[in-house]
Amino acid sequence: MTTTAAPTIRPTITATPLRCRNCGAERAAAPVSICEQCLGPFEPVYDPNRTLPDARIIAGRGPSLWRYKEWLPFQGEPVYSRDSGFTPLVETPALARRLGVARAWVKNDTVSHPSLSFKDRVVAAAINAAAAFGLDTIGCASTGNLANAVASHAARAGLTAWIFIPDDLELGKVLGTAIYGPKLVRVRGTYDDVNRLCAQVADRFGWGLVNVNLRSYYGEGSKTVAYEIAEQLGWRLPSAVVAPMAGGSLVSKLFKGFGDFLDAGLVSGRAPRLYGAQGDGCAPIVRLVERGSGNIVPEVPHTIARSLAIGNPADGGIASTVIRETGGWGAAVSDAEIVDAIQVLARDTGIFAETAGCVTVAGALALARSGRLRSDDEVVLCITGHGLKTLEAVSGSLPEAPVISPRLREVAALVEKAAQ
C-alpha cells in the first residue's frame, strides 16, 4: 500500500498599504518606495485599532524579530527568514569606564543570523515583502553587509538574487556574498553610482531590489533593534544610544521604534538621546547635524568604513532631524580612530567588530571627550557587523606573534620578557 504525503501548506503573508511621508498620498501595497505625486518616500500604514501584545505575550514568543510582528508591515505569518534578530545586549563595565558613564551595553549584531550583520533584520522584512508580492528575484545595491545578507537569505529561500556592489569592496565582503551563488556584479564607481543603476534595474526587470523598490518595507526591520533594547533592559529605555550611519535609516528607525513602545505603554519615560557616527571621509549626515539646517551636501567617499560610504544618503535629512530633536549629536571619526576602536572593543568586551561597527565605538569615545555623554548616562552602542568581514583594517596594526621551538625554556623566556 502506498501513501501520499500531505501537501505542505505554506504560510501566507500580505503587506500593508503605503502613505507618503511628505504629502500624505496613500496607495495600495506594492513594490514602490517613491511617491508619484511629490517624489517623497512611502511608509507603511499601520491600523491604529490593531490588537497589540503586552510584555508577557511578547516574552513568550520565539527569539527572533518576529516576536514584534504587530509593529512590522505585514499581516499573516512570515514566509522566509523566521529566525533573524533578537541578538544579545551585552553589558560592558570596562567600556562604561572608558566613556565615563554610569553603564554601557553593546547591542551585538555581529552574531546576527544568518550573515553576521544588522542587515539581516532589514532583509528579513524585505524578503517577506517580496513573498507578499509574488516576486521570485530579489537584489540590492550594497557597500558589503547588505550584499552578504541578501545573498544568504535568498539562497535559503530558493530565490534568485542579483547583487550590485562597488568594485573596490573588501575581499571578505565580496567572498561573503559570492559563496551563496548569487548573480554578483561589481560596478565601477561609488555606492551612489551603484544605487542609481539599481533604480533603473528595478524599473526595467521588475525585481525586488530590497533597498530600492522594497525600501518602504525593508526599513521597518531596523525598528526591531529599538524593541529588543527596550525588552532586554527589562522594559525600560537607556538615556542614550549611539549608532553608525550610512543612509541614515537606522537612526531614524530607532527613533520610531522607541516611540512605538512608548505609545503602546510597554515602556515609560522619554526616548533616549540618539547619536550618529560616521567616518570623517564620508560624513554628510554628521555635517548636516553640525550645520543645524539645510539639506545634505553630497560627498565623495574616502573612508576605511566602506559599509558606511554613502555620499548622498537617502534618509540623511530625517536622521539629522531626529538626532537634534532628541538632544543627541553626530561624530565624524578618522580611520586611525576606527582601527583603534576595533581593538578597544575586542579587548574590553570580547567582541570583534568590522570597521562600520566600530565607527560607533570611536564615535562614542569622541562624544565622551567632547562632553556630549554624561556621567549618569546609561548608553547602548549599536555594533552592526562582524570583524571577520574587514580583516584588512587591522592586519597591519597588530604585533606579530613570536615563533619558538617546542621547548619550555623558550616559553619561560617569553614569560620573563612579558613581565618586564
Foldseek 3Di string as FASTA:
>chain_A
DDDDDDDDDFKAKAFAWKAFPPPGDTDGDDLAFADPPPRGGIAGDADPPDDADALVQLVPDDQALCSRVSLAGMPIDFRFDPHWDNADWAWFPVLCVLLLADTETERQQCVTPPQRFPLLLLVSQLVSSCRNVVAQEEEEQALFSNLLNNLVRSLVVVGAYEYEYAQPHDPLRVCSNPVSPHNYHHDHDASVVRRVVVLVVCVVPVHHHSCHSVVNNSLLSLLSSLVSQCVNVPNEAFQEEEEEAALLSNLLSSVVSPVVCCVVVSYDDDHHQYEYFEAQQACQLQVCLVVPDDAGDFHQGDALLSRRRHRHRPCSVVNSVSNVVNLHHYYHHHLVLLLVQQVVCCVRPVAHADSRQSSQVSGSSVCSVVVSDDNHGYYYYYRTHGRVSRVVSCVPPDDDDDDDDPDVVVVVVVVVVVVD
